[in-house]
Amino acid sequence: MNAPDGSGAPGAPTGPDDGYAALHASAGVRVVPRDVLAVSGPDAASYLQGQASQEIEGLAAGASADSLLLSPQGKVEALVRVTRTGDDTFVVDTEGGFGEVVDARLRRFRLRVKVEIEPLAWGCLSVRGPGSAGVVVGAPSLVVPVAWNGWSGVDLLGPPPEGGPLAWVDPSAARVGADAWEAARIEAGVPVVGRELTEGTIAAEVGLVDRTVSFTKGCFTGQELVARLDARGSKVARSLCGVVVTGVGSDGPVDRGSGGSGPPVGAEVWTADGEHRVGTLTSVAWSPGFGAVVALATLHRRVRPPEVVSVRWDDRNGAGTGVAGEARPLPLVA
């Protein structure tokens, strides 16, 4: 029997090293929580055009675009993907657990427009790796191509079939566990809502402007801050970076990020001289490709990758631990 998260299928790789290898050499699959909304009505296209940071009205049927929903002050409220399914119908999906945030955000400015917003009970199976297309055998409602710094494949979305979303792919496809999936995502520098994207995040800080913002579409909510920063060369005080933790802790070598001496999410990043705290780790995983812990962190501009840093945290006994690391540009390349 398959595990609920899509790992542990008979005959499929279950170890982090095997799953990681499949993501890079063939194809790996994982059931990934996504919240999905249907947006429809005569004014759906024009309404989304005015709310999303990306070009929406120009999408062809079947095409998708990553976009931001911003506050009026230009701060990120959600990272979404918008897929046009018809002249007046769209599907909007986002990180699992944040659908209500997106729903509330879209309804907030829905005044005197003919737009309906409805949550959909859909599932999502993510497929990544160079052989992704070859393992899809089912017929989900949407097959959405994904390409992000080498983190490439397809997302399959729709009402879950009998047997769950895994029925959309060949049974021999490698089921990937959480550790390997996180390592590949971190290496690609893909931010997620609730970790790298939190209240107050600015798009330019996390490298999302080129991917999610159109500067030719006309006005949208939150445009002023994005446009002003772009005119100034997107110079911001902090930037999303990769961190490779290569040092040795006081109680032994760095472990796989979930115990031992491995740094947890929330570990502090300091300059190598110990003078300045420059950020915190927001995502952490063991990378078989690097043979080390890899992480994401939005770091102060006094750190200019590649640059040696210090990573500090308290262990389970409350004792302080510090190891060496290196801040690097994204994507991380072993």
C-alpha atoms as a PDB file:
ATOM      1  CA  MET A   1       0.000   0.000   0.000  1.00  0.00           C
ATOM      2  CA  ASN A   2       1.276   3.459  -0.856  1.00  0.00           C
ATOM      3  CA  ALA A   3       1.958   5.903   1.938  1.00  0.00           C
ATOM      4  CA  PRO A   4      -0.337   8.964   1.994  1.00  0.00           C
ATOM      5  CA  ASP A   5       2.535  11.207   0.921  1.00  0.00           C
ATOM      6  CA  GLY A   6       3.255   9.150  -2.161  1.00  0.00           C
ATOM      7  CA  SER A   7       6.350   7.398  -0.854  1.00  0.00           C
ATOM      8  CA  GLY A   8       6.874   3.776   0.000  1.00  0.00           C
ATOM      9  CA  ALA A   9       5.234   2.096  -2.994  1.00  0.00           C
ATOM     10  CA  PRO A  10       6.337  -1.489  -3.638  1.00  0.00           C
ATOM     11  CA  GLY A  11       9.313  -1.531  -5.972  1.00  0.00           C
ATOM     12  CA  ALA A  12       9.830   2.249  -5.768  1.00  0.00           C
ATOM     13  CA  PRO A  13      12.880   3.948  -4.210  1.00  0.00           C
ATOM     14  CA  THR A  14      12.216   4.910  -0.596  1.00  0.00           C
ATOM     15  CA  GLY A  15      15.632   6.098   0.595  1.00  0.00           C
ATOM     16  CA  PRO A  16      16.558   9.775   0.245  1.00  0.00           C
ATOM     17  CA  ASP A  17      19.541   8.998  -1.962  1.00  0.00           C
ATOM     18  CA  ASP A  18      17.453   6.892  -4.394  1.00  0.00           C
ATOM     19  CA  GLY A  19      14.652   9.442  -4.573  1.00  0.00           C
ATOM     20  CA  TYR A  20      17.131  12.255  -5.089  1.00  0.00           C
ATOM     21  CA  ALA A  21      18.809  10.334  -7.909  1.00  0.00           C
ATOM     22  CA  ALA A  22      15.460   9.714  -9.610  1.00  0.00           C
ATOM     23  CA  LEU A  23      14.638  13.439  -9.544  1.00  0.00           C
ATOM     24  CA  HIS A  24      17.863  14.208 -11.374  1.00  0.00           C
ATOM     25  CA  ALA A  25      18.290  11.217 -13.695  1.00  0.00           C
ATOM     26  CA  SER A  26      14.804   9.930 -14.549  1.00  0.00           C
ATOM     27  CA  ALA A  27      11.539  10.929 -12.889  1.00  0.00           C
ATOM     28  CA  GLY A  28      10.317  11.161  -9.331  1.00  0.00           C
ATOM     29  CA  VAL A  29       6.740  11.707  -8.151  1.00  0.00           C
ATOM     30  CA  ARG A  30       5.227  13.016  -4.961  1.00  0.00           C
ATOM     31  CA  VAL A  31       1.719  13.908  -3.826  1.00  0.00           C
ATOM     32  CA  VAL A  32       2.072  17.596  -2.972  1.00  0.00           C
ATOM     33  CA  PRO A  33      -0.626  19.525  -1.104  1.00  0.00           C
ATOM     34  CA  ARG A  34      -2.061  22.280  -3.295  1.00  0.00           C
ATOM     35  CA  ASP A  35      -5.201  24.329  -2.655  1.00  0.00           C
ATOM     36  CA  VAL A  36      -7.177  24.998  -5.822  1.00  0.00           C
ATOM     37  CA  LEU A  37      -9.823  27.600  -6.673  1.00  0.00           C
ATOM     38  CA  ALA A  38     -12.039  28.061  -9.715  1.00  0.00           C
ATOM     39  CA  VAL A  39     -12.489  31.680 -10.803  1.00  0.00           C
ATOM     40  CA  SER A  40     -15.190  32.217 -13.424  1.00  0.00           C
ATOM     41  CA  GLY A  41     -17.645  34.712 -14.844  1.00  0.00           C
ATOM     42  CA  PRO A  42     -17.863  37.406 -17.529  1.00  0.00           C
ATOM     43  CA  ASP A  43     -15.430  39.642 -15.613  1.00  0.00           C
ATOM     44  CA  ALA A  44     -13.053  36.888 -14.465  1.00  0.00           C
ATOM     45  CA  ALA A  45     -10.240  37.735 -16.897  1.00  0.00           C
ATOM     46  CA  SER A  46     -10.311  41.481 -16.315  1.00  0.00           C
ATOM     47  CA  TYR A  47     -10.654  41.029 -12.560  1.00  0.00           C
ATOM     48  CA  LEU A  48      -7.647  38.703 -12.295  1.00  0.00           C
ATOM     49  CA  GLN A  49      -5.742  41.040 -14.598  1.00  0.00           C
ATOM     50  CA  GLY A  50      -6.156  43.823 -12.057  1.00  0.00           C
ATOM     51  CA  GLN A  51      -5.315  41.668  -9.037  1.00  0.00           C
ATOM     52  CA  ALA A  52      -2.439  39.471 -10.212  1.00  0.00           C
ATOM     53  CA  SER A  53       1.054  40.761 -10.957  1.00  0.00           C
ATOM     54  CA  GLN A  54       1.393  38.687 -14.132  1.00  0.00           C
ATOM     55  CA  GLU A  55      -0.322  39.010 -17.523  1.00  0.00           C
ATOM     56  CA  ILE A  56      -3.609  37.088 -17.276  1.00  0.00           C
ATOM     57  CA  GLU A  57      -5.914  38.398 -20.011  1.00  0.00           C
ATOM     58  CA  GLY A  58      -3.361  37.407 -22.641  1.00  0.00           C
ATOM     59  CA  LEU A  59      -3.157  33.773 -21.517  1.00  0.00           C
ATOM     60  CA  ALA A  60      -4.294  31.280 -24.145  1.00  0.00           C
ATOM     61  CA  ALA A  61      -6.665  28.512 -23.094  1.00  0.00           C
ATOM     62  CA  GLY A  62      -4.610  25.813 -21.383  1.00  0.00           C
ATOM     63  CA  ALA A  63      -1.700  28.142 -20.588  1.00  0.00           C
ATOM     64  CA  SER A  64      -0.477  28.899 -17.067  1.00  0.00           C
ATOM     65  CA  ALA A  65       1.487  31.673 -15.394  1.00  0.00           C
ATOM     66  CA  ASP A  66       3.032  32.073 -11.954  1.00  0.00           C
ATOM     67  CA  SER A  67       1.878  35.281 -10.312  1.00  0.00           C
ATOM     68  CA  LEU A  68       1.801  37.179  -7.051  1.00  0.00           C
ATOM     69  CA  LEU A  69      -1.122  38.558  -5.148  1.00  0.00           C
ATOM     70  CA  LEU A  70       0.188  41.681  -3.448  1.00  0.00           C
ATOM     71  CA  SER A  71      -1.097  43.945  -0.734  1.00  0.00           C
ATOM     72  CA  PRO A  72      -1.825  47.557  -1.734  1.00  0.00           C
ATOM     73  CA  GLN A  73       1.577  48.344  -0.178  1.00  0.00           C
ATOM     74  CA  GLY A  74       3.285  45.912  -2.586  1.00  0.00           C
ATOM     75  CA  LYS A  75       4.098  43.132  -0.088  1.00  0.00           C
ATOM     76  CA  VAL A  76       3.589  39.483  -1.079  1.00  0.00           C
ATOM     77  CA  GLU A  77       0.349  37.943   0.181  1.00  0.00           C
ATOM     78  CA  ALA A  78       0.492  34.772  -1.925  1.00  0.00           C
ATOM     79  CA  LEU A  79       2.370  33.073  -4.746  1.00  0.00           C
ATOM     80  CA  VAL A  80      -0.167  31.495  -7.083  1.00  0.00           C
ATOM     81  CA  ARG A  81      -0.357  29.796 -10.443  1.00  0.00           C
ATOM     82  CA  VAL A  82      -3.162  30.855 -12.789  1.00  0.00           C
ATOM     83  CA  THR A  83      -4.308  28.525 -15.583  1.00  0.00           C
ATOM     84  CA  ARG A  84      -6.818  29.615 -18.177  1.00  0.00           C
ATOM     85  CA  THR A  85      -9.310  26.841 -18.899  1.00  0.00           C
ATOM     86  CA  GLY A  86     -11.753  28.809 -21.098  1.00  0.00           C
ATOM     87  CA  ASP A  87     -12.765  32.296 -22.193  1.00  0.00           C
ATOM     88  CA  ASP A  88     -14.220  33.131 -18.781  1.00  0.00           C
ATOM     89  CA  THR A  89     -12.821  30.345 -16.575  1.00  0.00           C
ATOM     90  CA  PHE A  90      -9.573  30.029 -14.663  1.00  0.00           C
ATOM     91  CA  VAL A  91      -8.001  27.714 -12.109  1.00  0.00           C
ATOM     92  CA  VAL A  92      -5.833  29.277  -9.396  1.00  0.00           C
ATOM     93  CA  ASP A  93      -3.665  26.994  -7.263  1.00  0.00           C
ATOM     94  CA  THR A  94      -1.303  27.694  -4.381  1.00  0.00           C
ATOM     95  CA  GLU A  95       0.580  26.001  -1.541  1.00  0.00           C
ATOM     96  CA  GLY A  96      -1.523  23.634   0.534  1.00  0.00           C
ATOM     97  CA  GLY A  97      -2.945  25.385   3.571  1.00  0.00           C
ATOM     98  CA  PHE A  98      -3.002  28.820   1.946  1.00  0.00           C
ATOM     99  CA  GLY A  99      -6.108  28.483  -0.209  1.00  0.00           C
ATOM    100  CA  GLU A 100      -8.209  30.400   2.293  1.00  0.00           C
ATOM    101  CA  VAL A 101      -5.698  33.262   2.192  1.00  0.00           C
ATOM    102  CA  VAL A 102      -5.948  33.406  -1.599  1.00  0.00           C
ATOM    103  CA  ASP A 103      -9.743  33.102  -1.502  1.00  0.00           C
ATOM    104  CA  ALA A 104     -10.036  35.965   0.992  1.00  0.00           C
ATOM    105  CA  ARG A 105      -7.558  38.086  -0.952  1.00  0.00           C
ATOM    106  CA  LEU A 106      -9.444  37.648  -4.231  1.00  0.00           C
ATOM    107  CA  ARG A 107     -12.794  38.394  -2.600  1.00  0.00           C
ATOM    108  CA  ARG A 108     -11.490  41.501  -0.837  1.00  0.00           C
ATOM    109  CA  PHE A 109     -11.562  43.697  -3.940  1.00  0.00           C
ATOM    110  CA  ARG A 110     -14.443  41.971  -5.757  1.00  0.00           C
ATOM    111  CA  LEU A 111     -16.779  44.951  -6.040  1.00  0.00           C
ATOM    112  CA  ARG A 112     -19.408  45.319  -8.747  1.00  0.00           C
ATOM    113  CA  VAL A 113     -17.882  42.600 -10.922  1.00  0.00           C
ATOM    114  CA  LYS A 114     -19.388  39.368 -12.198  1.00  0.00           C
ATOM    115  CA  VAL A 115     -16.895  36.882 -10.796  1.00  0.00           C
ATOM    116  CA  GLU A 116     -17.470  33.635  -8.923  1.00  0.00           C
ATOM    117  CA  ILE A 117     -14.778  32.064  -6.727  1.00  0.00           C
ATOM    118  CA  GLU A 118     -15.166  28.435  -5.674  1.00  0.00           C
ATOM    119  CA  PRO A 119     -12.748  26.078  -3.847  1.00  0.00           C
ATOM    120  CA  LEU A 120     -12.142  22.819  -5.710  1.00  0.00           C
ATOM    121  CA  ALA A 121     -11.574  19.449  -4.023  1.00  0.00           C
ATOM    122  CA  TRP A 122      -8.648  18.616  -6.303  1.00  0.00           C
ATOM    123  CA  GLY A 123      -5.444  16.721  -5.725  1.00  0.00           C
ATOM    124  CA  CYS A 124      -1.961  17.416  -7.070  1.00  0.00           C
ATOM    125  CA  LEU A 125       0.741  14.978  -8.081  1.00  0.00           C
ATOM    126  CA  SER A 126       4.084  16.608  -8.866  1.00  0.00           C
ATOM    127  CA  VAL A 127       6.467  14.893 -11.290  1.00  0.00           C
ATOM    128  CA  ARG A 128      10.051  16.089 -11.657  1.00  0.00           C
ATOM    129  CA  GLY A 129      13.040  14.959 -13.653  1.00  0.00           C
ATOM    130  CA  PRO A 130      14.086  14.596 -17.304  1.00  0.00           C
ATOM    131  CA  GLY A 131      11.756  11.614 -17.817  1.00  0.00           C
ATOM    132  CA  SER A 132       8.655  13.278 -16.341  1.00  0.00           C
ATOM    133  CA  ALA A 133       6.544  13.260 -19.493  1.00  0.00           C
ATOM    134  CA  GLY A 134       7.073   9.550 -20.008  1.00  0.00           C
ATOM    135  CA  VAL A 135       5.529   8.409 -16.717  1.00  0.00           C
ATOM    136  CA  VAL A 136       2.155  10.181 -17.075  1.00  0.00           C
ATOM    137  CA  VAL A 137      -0.506   7.590 -17.980  1.00  0.00           C
ATOM    138  CA  GLY A 138      -3.729   9.018 -16.548  1.00  0.00           C
ATOM    139  CA  ALA A 139      -5.984  11.886 -17.523  1.00  0.00           C
ATOM    140  CA  PRO A 140      -5.970  14.615 -14.853  1.00  0.00           C
ATOM    141  CA  SER A 141      -7.919  17.805 -15.480  1.00  0.00           C
ATOM    142  CA  LEU A 142      -4.705  19.795 -15.893  1.00  0.00           C
ATOM    143  CA  VAL A 143      -1.153  18.877 -16.878  1.00  0.00           C
ATOM    144  CA  VAL A 144       0.906  21.966 -16.076  1.00  0.00           C
ATOM    145  CA  PRO A 145       4.555  22.189 -17.199  1.00  0.00           C
ATOM    146  CA  VAL A 146       6.992  23.362 -14.512  1.00  0.00           C
ATOM    147  CA  ALA A 147      10.491  24.730 -15.126  1.00  0.00           C
ATOM    148  CA  TRP A 148      12.364  26.511 -12.348  1.00  0.00           C
ATOM    149  CA  ASN A 149      16.174  26.606 -12.338  1.00  0.00           C
ATOM    150  CA  GLY A 150      16.397  22.973 -13.456  1.00  0.00           C
ATOM    151  CA  TRP A 151      13.537  21.886 -11.169  1.00  0.00           C
ATOM    152  CA  SER A 152      11.460  20.760 -14.135  1.00  0.00           C
ATOM    153  CA  GLY A 153       8.575  18.437 -14.909  1.00  0.00           C
ATOM    154  CA  VAL A 154       4.788  18.619 -14.683  1.00  0.00           C
ATOM    155  CA  ASP A 155       2.103  19.072 -12.055  1.00  0.00           C
ATOM    156  CA  LEU A 156      -1.015  16.929 -12.473  1.00  0.00           C
ATOM    157  CA  LEU A 157      -4.173  18.445 -10.983  1.00  0.00           C
ATOM    158  CA  GLY A 158      -7.793  17.388 -10.849  1.00  0.00           C
ATOM    159  CA  PRO A 159     -10.389  15.464  -8.854  1.00  0.00           C
ATOM    160  CA  PRO A 160      -8.443  12.508  -7.433  1.00  0.00           C
ATOM    161  CA  PRO A 161      -9.176   9.295  -9.344  1.00  0.00           C
ATOM    162  CA  GLU A 162      -9.910   5.993  -7.691  1.00  0.00           C
ATOM    163  CA  GLY A 163      -6.658   5.008  -6.058  1.00  0.00           C
ATOM    164  CA  GLY A 164      -5.624   8.624  -5.557  1.00  0.00           C
ATOM    165  CA  PRO A 165      -3.410  10.948  -7.644  1.00  0.00           C
ATOM    166  CA  LEU A 166      -0.731   8.259  -7.992  1.00  0.00           C
ATOM    167  CA  ALA A 167      -3.046   6.552 -10.493  1.00  0.00           C
ATOM    168  CA  TRP A 168      -2.073   9.314 -12.960  1.00  0.00           C
ATOM    169  CA  VAL A 169       1.454   7.908 -13.353  1.00  0.00           C
ATOM    170  CA  ASP A 170       3.043   4.608 -14.249  1.00  0.00           C
ATOM    171  CA  PRO A 171       3.293   2.366 -11.146  1.00  0.00           C
ATOM    172  CA  SER A 172       7.036   2.011 -11.738  1.00  0.00           C
ATOM    173  CA  ALA A 173       7.658   5.749 -11.295  1.00  0.00           C
ATOM    174  CA  ALA A 174       9.839   6.473  -8.279  1.00  0.00           C
ATOM    175  CA  ARG A 175       7.943   7.727  -5.244  1.00  0.00           C
ATOM    176  CA  VAL A 176      10.083  10.405  -3.602  1.00  0.00           C
ATOM    177  CA  GLY A 177      10.160  11.081   0.129  1.00  0.00           C
ATOM    178  CA  ALA A 178      10.075  14.454   1.814  1.00  0.00           C
ATOM    179  CA  ASP A 179      13.842  14.766   2.439  1.00  0.00           C
ATOM    180  CA  ALA A 180      14.899  14.196  -1.174  1.00  0.00           C
ATOM    181  CA  TRP A 181      12.092  16.411  -2.496  1.00  0.00           C
ATOM    182  CA  GLU A 182      13.066  19.250  -0.178  1.00  0.00           C
ATOM    183  CA  ALA A 183      16.727  18.964  -1.115  1.00  0.00           C
ATOM    184  CA  ALA A 184      15.964  19.294  -4.834  1.00  0.00           C
ATOM    185  CA  ARG A 185      13.581  22.214  -4.239  1.00  0.00           C
ATOM    186  CA  ILE A 186      16.094  24.036  -2.074  1.00  0.00           C
ATOM    187  CA  GLU A 187      18.886  23.554  -4.609  1.00  0.00           C
ATOM    188  CA  ALA A 188      16.668  25.075  -7.307  1.00  0.00           C
ATOM    189  CA  GLY A 189      15.852  28.016  -5.029  1.00  0.00           C
ATOM    190  CA  VAL A 190      12.078  27.585  -5.251  1.00  0.00           C
ATOM    191  CA  PRO A 191      10.485  29.623  -2.423  1.00  0.00           C
ATOM    192  CA  VAL A 192       7.318  28.465  -0.699  1.00  0.00           C
ATOM    193  CA  VAL A 193       4.596  30.388   1.060  1.00  0.00           C
ATOM    194  CA  GLY A 194       4.942  30.298   4.828  1.00  0.00           C
ATOM    195  CA  ARG A 195       8.717  29.840   4.734  1.00  0.00           C
ATOM    196  CA  GLU A 196      10.568  32.044   2.265  1.00  0.00           C
ATOM    197  CA  LEU A 197       7.404  34.030   1.540  1.00  0.00           C
ATOM    198  CA  THR A 198       5.920  35.538   4.688  1.00  0.00           C
ATOM    199  CA  GLU A 199       4.028  38.672   5.629  1.00  0.00           C
ATOM    200  CA  GLY A 200       6.171  41.625   4.602  1.00  0.00           C
ATOM    201  CA  THR A 201       8.187  39.827   1.906  1.00  0.00           C
ATOM    202  CA  ILE A 202       9.046  41.936  -1.137  1.00  0.00           C
ATOM    203  CA  ALA A 203       9.116  40.138  -4.498  1.00  0.00           C
ATOM    204  CA  ALA A 204      12.583  41.442  -5.378  1.00  0.00           C
ATOM    205  CA  GLU A 205      14.020  39.958  -2.177  1.00  0.00           C
ATOM    206  CA  VAL A 206      13.190  36.401  -3.230  1.00  0.00           C
ATOM    207  CA  GLY A 207      13.973  36.637  -6.937  1.00  0.00           C
ATOM    208  CA  LEU A 208      10.370  36.460  -8.118  1.00  0.00           C
ATOM    209  CA  VAL A 209      10.067  39.626 -10.196  1.00  0.00           C
ATOM    210  CA  ASP A 210      11.170  38.243 -13.561  1.00  0.00           C
ATOM    211  CA  ARG A 211       9.017  35.145 -13.156  1.00  0.00           C
ATOM    212  CA  THR A 212       5.825  36.647 -11.791  1.00  0.00           C
ATOM    213  CA  VAL A 213       5.562  40.320 -12.782  1.00  0.00           C
ATOM    214  CA  SER A 214       4.555  41.938 -16.070  1.00  0.00           C
ATOM    215  CA  PHE A 215       5.556  45.574 -16.510  1.00  0.00           C
ATOM    216  CA  THR A 216       3.522  45.982 -19.715  1.00  0.00           C
ATOM    217  CA  LYS A 217       0.089  44.769 -18.600  1.00  0.00           C
ATOM    218  CA  GLY A 218      -1.177  47.940 -16.959  1.00  0.00           C
ATOM    219  CA  CYS A 219      -2.154  48.557 -13.357  1.00  0.00           C
ATOM    220  CA  PHE A 220      -2.516  45.886 -10.684  1.00  0.00           C
ATOM    221  CA  THR A 221      -2.844  45.986  -6.917  1.00  0.00           C
ATOM    222  CA  GLY A 222       0.552  46.616  -5.293  1.00  0.00           C
ATOM    223  CA  GLN A 223       2.224  47.673  -8.529  1.00  0.00           C
ATOM    224  CA  GLU A 224       3.764  50.910  -7.234  1.00  0.00           C
ATOM    225  CA  LEU A 225       6.397  49.343  -4.960  1.00  0.00           C
ATOM    226  CA  VAL A 226       7.383  46.700  -7.517  1.00  0.00           C
ATOM    227  CA  ALA A 227       7.750  49.282 -10.295  1.00  0.00           C
ATOM    228  CA  ARG A 228       9.697  51.692  -8.088  1.00  0.00           C
ATOM    229  CA  LEU A 229      12.184  49.009  -7.060  1.00  0.00           C
ATOM    230  CA  ASP A 230      12.547  47.835 -10.649  1.00  0.00           C
ATOM    231  CA  ALA A 231      13.352  51.383 -11.753  1.00  0.00           C
ATOM    232  CA  ARG A 232      16.115  51.415  -9.145  1.00  0.00           C
ATOM    233  CA  GLY A 233      17.591  48.125 -10.347  1.00  0.00           C
ATOM    234  CA  SER A 234      15.713  45.984  -7.786  1.00  0.00           C
ATOM    235  CA  LYS A 235      18.242  46.934  -5.103  1.00  0.00           C
ATOM    236  CA  VAL A 236      16.921  45.575  -1.817  1.00  0.00           C
ATOM    237  CA  ALA A 237      18.374  45.132   1.644  1.00  0.00           C
ATOM    238  CA  ARG A 238      18.001  41.332   1.638  1.00  0.00           C
ATOM    239  CA  SER A 239      18.138  38.586  -0.985  1.00  0.00           C
ATOM    240  CA  LEU A 240      17.255  34.897  -1.077  1.00  0.00           C
ATOM    241  CA  CYS A 241      20.408  32.755  -1.101  1.00  0.00           C
ATOM    242  CA  GLY A 242      21.403  29.152  -0.796  1.00  0.00           C
ATOM    243  CA  VAL A 243      23.469  28.040   2.193  1.00  0.00           C
ATOM    244  CA  VAL A 244      25.620  24.912   2.113  1.00  0.00           C
ATOM    245  CA  VAL A 245      26.502  23.828   5.650  1.00  0.00           C
ATOM    246  CA  THR A 246      29.946  22.308   5.392  1.00  0.00           C
ATOM    247  CA  GLY A 247      31.275  22.706   8.931  1.00  0.00           C
ATOM    248  CA  VAL A 248      31.499  20.381  11.928  1.00  0.00           C
ATOM    249  CA  GLY A 249      29.433  21.026  15.032  1.00  0.00           C
ATOM    250  CA  SER A 250      30.653  20.721  18.599  1.00  0.00           C
ATOM    251  CA  ASP A 251      29.056  17.267  18.916  1.00  0.00           C
ATOM    252  CA  GLY A 252      30.167  15.793  15.590  1.00  0.00           C
ATOM    253  CA  PRO A 253      29.615  16.033  11.842  1.00  0.00           C
ATOM    254  CA  VAL A 254      26.580  17.717  10.404  1.00  0.00           C
ATOM    255  CA  ASP A 255      23.699  15.227  10.255  1.00  0.00           C
ATOM    256  CA  ARG A 256      20.789  15.046   7.800  1.00  0.00           C
ATOM    257  CA  GLY A 257      19.108  18.212   9.004  1.00  0.00           C
ATOM    258  CA  SER A 258      16.425  16.526  11.114  1.00  0.00           C
ATOM    259  CA  GLY A 259      18.446  15.528  14.164  1.00  0.00           C
ATOM    260  CA  GLY A 260      21.942  15.098  15.518  1.00  0.00           C
ATOM    261  CA  SER A 261      23.990  18.189  14.921  1.00  0.00           C
ATOM    262  CA  GLY A 262      22.217  19.302  11.740  1.00  0.00           C
ATOM    263  CA  PRO A 263      20.878  22.876  11.769  1.00  0.00           C
ATOM    264  CA  PRO A 264      17.086  23.248  12.046  1.00  0.00           C
ATOM    265  CA  VAL A 265      14.789  25.712  10.331  1.00  0.00           C
ATOM    266  CA  GLY A 266      15.222  28.952  12.268  1.00  0.00           C
ATOM    267  CA  ALA A 267      18.970  28.554  12.786  1.00  0.00           C
ATOM    268  CA  GLU A 268      20.667  31.933  12.632  1.00  0.00           C
ATOM    269  CA  VAL A 269      23.133  32.950   9.943  1.00  0.00           C
ATOM    270  CA  TRP A 270      25.973  35.255  10.969  1.00  0.00           C
ATOM    271  CA  THR A 271      28.884  36.785   9.144  1.00  0.00           C
ATOM    272  CA  ALA A 272      32.056  34.705   9.383  1.00  0.00           C
ATOM    273  CA  ASP A 273      33.598  37.160  11.852  1.00  0.00           C
ATOM    274  CA  GLY A 274      30.610  36.772  14.162  1.00  0.00           C
ATOM    275  CA  GLU A 275      29.863  40.483  14.156  1.00  0.00           C
ATOM    276  CA  HIS A 276      26.519  40.569  12.337  1.00  0.00           C
ATOM    277  CA  ARG A 277      23.396  38.395  12.318  1.00  0.00           C
ATOM    278  CA  VAL A 278      22.300  38.422   8.661  1.00  0.00           C
ATOM    279  CA  GLY A 279      19.286  36.081   8.511  1.00  0.00           C
ATOM    280  CA  THR A 280      17.776  32.709   9.421  1.00  0.00           C
ATOM    281  CA  LEU A 281      17.425  29.379   7.641  1.00  0.00           C
ATOM    282  CA  THR A 282      13.878  29.005   6.304  1.00  0.00           C
ATOM    283  CA  SER A 283      14.163  25.576   4.614  1.00  0.00           C
ATOM    284  CA  VAL A 284      16.685  22.836   5.438  1.00  0.00           C
ATOM    285  CA  ALA A 285      17.429  19.369   4.016  1.00  0.00           C
ATOM    286  CA  TRP A 286      20.240  16.877   3.570  1.00  0.00           C
ATOM    287  CA  SER A 287      21.511  16.818  -0.025  1.00  0.00           C
ATOM    288  CA  PRO A 288      23.054  13.582  -1.322  1.00  0.00           C
ATOM    289  CA  GLY A 289      24.445  15.600  -4.234  1.00  0.00           C
ATOM    290  CA  PHE A 290      26.406  17.923  -1.966  1.00  0.00           C
ATOM    291  CA  GLY A 291      27.014  15.444   0.832  1.00  0.00           C
ATOM    292  CA  ALA A 292      25.977  18.229   3.181  1.00  0.00           C
ATOM    293  CA  VAL A 293      22.994  20.126   4.492  1.00  0.00           C
ATOM    294  CA  VAL A 294      21.544  22.658   2.047  1.00  0.00           C
ATOM    295  CA  ALA A 295      19.266  25.485   3.071  1.00  0.00           C
ATOM    296  CA  LEU A 296      17.533  28.655   1.945  1.00  0.00           C
ATOM    297  CA  ALA A 297      17.847  31.973   3.750  1.00  0.00           C
ATOM    298  CA  THR A 298      17.042  35.579   2.920  1.00  0.00           C
ATOM    299  CA  LEU A 299      20.295  37.288   3.875  1.00  0.00           C
ATOM    300  CA  HIS A 300      21.288  40.906   4.439  1.00  0.00           C
ATOM    301  CA  ARG A 301      23.215  42.469   1.587  1.00  0.00           C
ATOM    302  CA  ARG A 302      26.396  42.708   3.650  1.00  0.00           C
ATOM    303  CA  VAL A 303      26.782  39.037   2.644  1.00  0.00           C
ATOM    304  CA  ARG A 304      27.807  38.754  -1.007  1.00  0.00           C
ATOM    305  CA  PRO A 305      27.672  35.119  -2.170  1.00  0.00           C
ATOM    306  CA  PRO A 306      29.784  33.125  -2.464  1.00  0.00           C
ATOM    307  CA  GLU A 307      30.904  33.958   1.067  1.00  0.00           C
ATOM    308  CA  VAL A 308      31.699  31.979   4.191  1.00  0.00           C
ATOM    309  CA  VAL A 309      29.151  32.379   6.986  1.00  0.00           C
ATOM    310  CA  SER A 310      28.501  30.937  10.423  1.00  0.00           C
ATOM    311  CA  VAL A 311      25.311  29.006  11.210  1.00  0.00           C
ATOM    312  CA  ARG A 312      24.215  28.941  14.868  1.00  0.00           C
ATOM    313  CA  TRP A 313      21.422  27.255  16.829  1.00  0.00           C
ATOM    314  CA  ASP A 314      20.618  25.699  20.199  1.00  0.00           C
ATOM    315  CA  ASP A 315      20.602  21.898  20.312  1.00  0.00           C
ATOM    316  CA  ARG A 316      18.019  19.745  22.082  1.00  0.00           C
ATOM    317  CA  ASN A 317      19.761  20.342  25.401  1.00  0.00           C
ATOM    318  CA  GLY A 318      19.803  24.104  24.954  1.00  0.00           C
ATOM    319  CA  ALA A 319      23.524  24.197  24.246  1.00  0.00           C
ATOM    320  CA  GLY A 320      24.674  26.558  21.547  1.00  0.00           C
ATOM    321  CA  THR A 321      26.079  25.041  18.366  1.00  0.00           C
ATOM    322  CA  GLY A 322      27.919  26.761  15.549  1.00  0.00           C
ATOM    323  CA  VAL A 323      29.180  25.413  12.242  1.00  0.00           C
ATOM    324  CA  ALA A 324      30.736  26.856   9.131  1.00  0.00           C
ATOM    325  CA  GLY A 325      28.701  27.294   5.975  1.00  0.00           C
ATOM    326  CA  GLU A 326      28.846  29.061   2.673  1.00  0.00           C
ATOM    327  CA  ALA A 327      26.232  31.419   1.269  1.00  0.00           C
ATOM    328  CA  ARG A 328      25.918  30.786  -2.467  1.00  0.00           C
ATOM    329  CA  PRO A 329      23.877  32.184  -5.346  1.00  0.00           C
ATOM    330  CA  LEU A 330      20.854  30.224  -6.536  1.00  0.00           C
ATOM    331  CA  PRO A 331      20.416  27.709  -8.003  1.00  0.00           C
ATOM    332  CA  LEU A 332      22.877  25.651  -5.984  1.00  0.00           C
ATOM    333  CA  VAL A 333      25.187  23.586  -8.187  1.00  0.00           C
ATOM    334  CA  ALA A 334      27.264  20.792  -6.667  1.00  0.00           C
END
